[in-house]
Amino acid sequence: MNHLPRPIADWIALWRDLPRFPRQVLLNRAHAHGSAAALTVTLLVDLIVGHSFTTIAAYTALIVLGPPSLVGFAGAVIHTLWGRGLIWADLVCEFCGDGPDDGDDPEPDDPAGDDGDDLIREITDYLHTHAPTTANV
């Protein structure tokens, strides 16, 4: 079974999910710094080297990585506002866990407690630490 490389799959998932779940995508993109880091490194290499190849790579990076970097920056602003409890108190950040005004203890009338969030956090941690393996068949 062929798998896309993680950065490409992330880029496709970003544009697939942004129109469908804009609030959740913006909140979660605050934790994704890969596109901004890659764009910064590419622009610094172009600044230092100044070769036509690096200039072409820099323009390509701006086209491919620029929009996800802007979404990540907007997500960081949104996440800060969310963390202070100013917006979207009904959302849960998949990376941080509980919402901004949620306590550490489960609600007394909630029999399930925090098990659903723990499962999501466990699955997310597993996905971040394990890379898919591909076998040549």
Protein backbone atom coordinates (compact mmCIF):
# COMPACT_ATOMS: atom_id res chain seq x y z
CA MET A 1 0.00 0.00 0.00
CA ASN A 2 1.45 3.37 -1.01
CA HIS A 3 1.41 6.21 1.49
CA LEU A 4 1.99 9.87 0.92
CA PRO A 5 4.86 11.47 2.81
CA ARG A 6 3.59 13.12 6.00
CA PRO A 7 4.23 16.76 4.90
CA ILE A 8 2.30 16.22 1.67
CA ALA A 9 -0.55 14.45 3.44
CA ASP A 10 -0.66 17.26 6.02
CA TRP A 11 -0.78 19.89 3.27
CA ILE A 12 -3.64 18.09 1.50
CA ALA A 13 -5.52 17.54 4.78
CA LEU A 14 -5.17 21.23 5.64
CA TRP A 15 -6.89 22.38 2.46
CA ARG A 16 -9.46 19.59 2.66
CA ASP A 17 -10.46 20.35 6.25
CA LEU A 18 -10.14 24.16 6.34
CA PRO A 19 -13.44 24.85 4.52
CA ARG A 20 -15.26 22.10 6.46
CA PHE A 21 -13.95 22.75 10.01
CA PRO A 22 -12.31 26.19 10.01
CA ARG A 23 -12.37 26.78 13.77
CA GLN A 24 -10.86 23.39 14.66
CA VAL A 25 -8.23 23.60 11.92
CA LEU A 26 -7.14 27.08 13.01
CA LEU A 27 -6.96 26.00 16.64
CA ASN A 28 -4.88 22.92 15.83
CA ARG A 29 -2.57 24.64 13.31
CA ALA A 30 -1.03 26.63 16.16
CA HIS A 31 0.92 23.46 16.98
CA ALA A 32 2.15 22.80 13.42
CA HIS A 33 5.36 24.74 12.85
CA GLY A 34 6.87 22.66 10.07
CA SER A 35 5.79 24.77 7.11
CA ALA A 36 6.92 28.03 8.72
CA ALA A 37 10.27 26.50 9.68
CA ALA A 38 10.86 25.06 6.19
CA LEU A 39 9.90 28.36 4.57
CA THR A 40 12.23 30.30 6.87
CA VAL A 41 15.15 27.95 6.21
CA THR A 42 14.59 28.10 2.44
CA LEU A 43 14.49 31.91 2.45
CA LEU A 44 17.61 32.10 4.63
CA VAL A 45 19.50 29.76 2.30
CA ASP A 46 18.46 31.91 -0.66
CA LEU A 47 19.58 35.04 1.19
CA ILE A 48 22.98 33.55 2.03
CA VAL A 49 23.74 31.67 -1.20
CA GLY A 50 22.08 33.95 -3.76
CA HIS A 51 22.16 31.40 -6.60
CA SER A 52 19.47 31.09 -9.25
CA PHE A 53 18.61 27.57 -8.01
CA THR A 54 18.00 28.82 -4.47
CA THR A 55 15.88 31.68 -5.82
CA ILE A 56 13.68 29.23 -7.72
CA ALA A 57 13.44 27.08 -4.58
CA ALA A 58 12.52 30.15 -2.53
CA TYR A 59 9.72 31.12 -4.94
CA THR A 60 8.45 27.54 -4.94
CA ALA A 61 8.52 27.46 -1.14
CA LEU A 62 6.61 30.74 -0.98
CA ILE A 63 3.91 29.35 -3.23
CA VAL A 64 3.67 25.94 -1.54
CA LEU A 65 4.49 26.77 2.10
CA GLY A 66 3.35 30.39 2.30
CA PRO A 67 -0.40 29.79 2.72
CA PRO A 68 -0.01 27.02 5.34
CA SER A 69 2.42 29.26 7.22
CA LEU A 70 -0.15 32.08 7.22
CA VAL A 71 -2.82 29.66 8.46
CA GLY A 72 -0.38 28.55 11.18
CA PHE A 73 0.27 32.17 12.21
CA ALA A 74 -3.47 32.89 12.30
CA GLY A 75 -3.89 29.68 14.29
CA ALA A 76 -1.32 30.86 16.84
CA VAL A 77 -3.26 34.10 17.34
CA ILE A 78 -6.54 32.18 17.56
CA HIS A 79 -5.02 29.67 20.01
CA THR A 80 -3.83 32.49 22.26
CA LEU A 81 -7.30 34.03 22.31
CA TRP A 82 -8.84 30.59 22.90
CA GLY A 83 -6.39 29.83 25.71
CA ARG A 84 -7.43 33.03 27.50
CA GLY A 85 -11.07 32.01 27.20
CA LEU A 86 -12.02 34.89 24.89
CA ILE A 87 -13.34 32.80 21.99
CA TRP A 88 -14.68 29.35 21.19
CA ALA A 89 -15.05 27.93 24.68
CA ASP A 90 -16.99 25.02 23.17
CA LEU A 91 -13.91 23.69 21.30
CA VAL A 92 -11.18 21.41 22.61
CA CYS A 93 -7.67 21.69 21.23
CA GLU A 94 -6.63 18.21 20.12
CA PHE A 95 -3.03 18.88 21.15
CA CYS A 96 -3.56 20.71 24.46
CA GLY A 97 -6.47 18.63 25.70
CA ASP A 98 -9.08 20.40 27.78
CA GLY A 99 -10.66 23.72 26.90
CA PRO A 100 -9.55 26.99 28.47
CA ASP A 101 -12.16 27.05 31.23
CA ASP A 102 -12.33 23.30 31.86
CA GLY A 103 -11.13 22.13 35.23
CA ASP A 104 -8.89 19.16 35.84
CA ASP A 105 -11.72 17.17 37.43
CA PRO A 106 -14.58 15.66 35.44
CA GLU A 107 -18.05 17.06 35.93
CA PRO A 108 -19.92 15.31 38.75
CA ASP A 109 -22.86 14.42 36.50
CA ASP A 110 -20.59 13.11 33.75
CA PRO A 111 -20.23 9.34 34.28
CA ALA A 112 -17.67 8.95 31.50
CA GLY A 113 -15.38 11.54 33.01
CA ASP A 114 -12.41 12.45 30.84
CA ASP A 115 -12.02 9.05 29.11
CA GLY A 116 -12.99 10.34 25.65
CA ASP A 117 -10.39 13.09 25.73
CA ASP A 118 -7.76 10.67 27.05
CA LEU A 119 -8.42 8.30 24.15
CA ILE A 120 -8.10 11.11 21.60
CA ARG A 121 -4.90 12.34 23.26
CA GLU A 122 -3.49 8.79 23.33
CA ILE A 123 -4.27 8.23 19.64
CA THR A 124 -2.80 11.63 18.72
CA ASP A 125 0.37 10.88 20.70
CA TYR A 126 0.64 7.48 19.01
CA LEU A 127 0.28 9.03 15.55
CA HIS A 128 2.94 11.62 16.30
CA THR A 129 5.47 9.10 17.56
CA HIS A 130 5.00 6.29 15.03
CA ALA A 131 5.75 6.65 11.36
CA PRO A 132 4.03 4.37 8.87
CA THR A 133 6.22 1.61 7.55
CA THR A 134 6.13 0.63 3.94
CA ALA A 135 7.35 -2.70 2.66
CA ASN A 136 8.46 -3.30 -0.87
CA VAL A 137 6.35 -6.16 -2.09
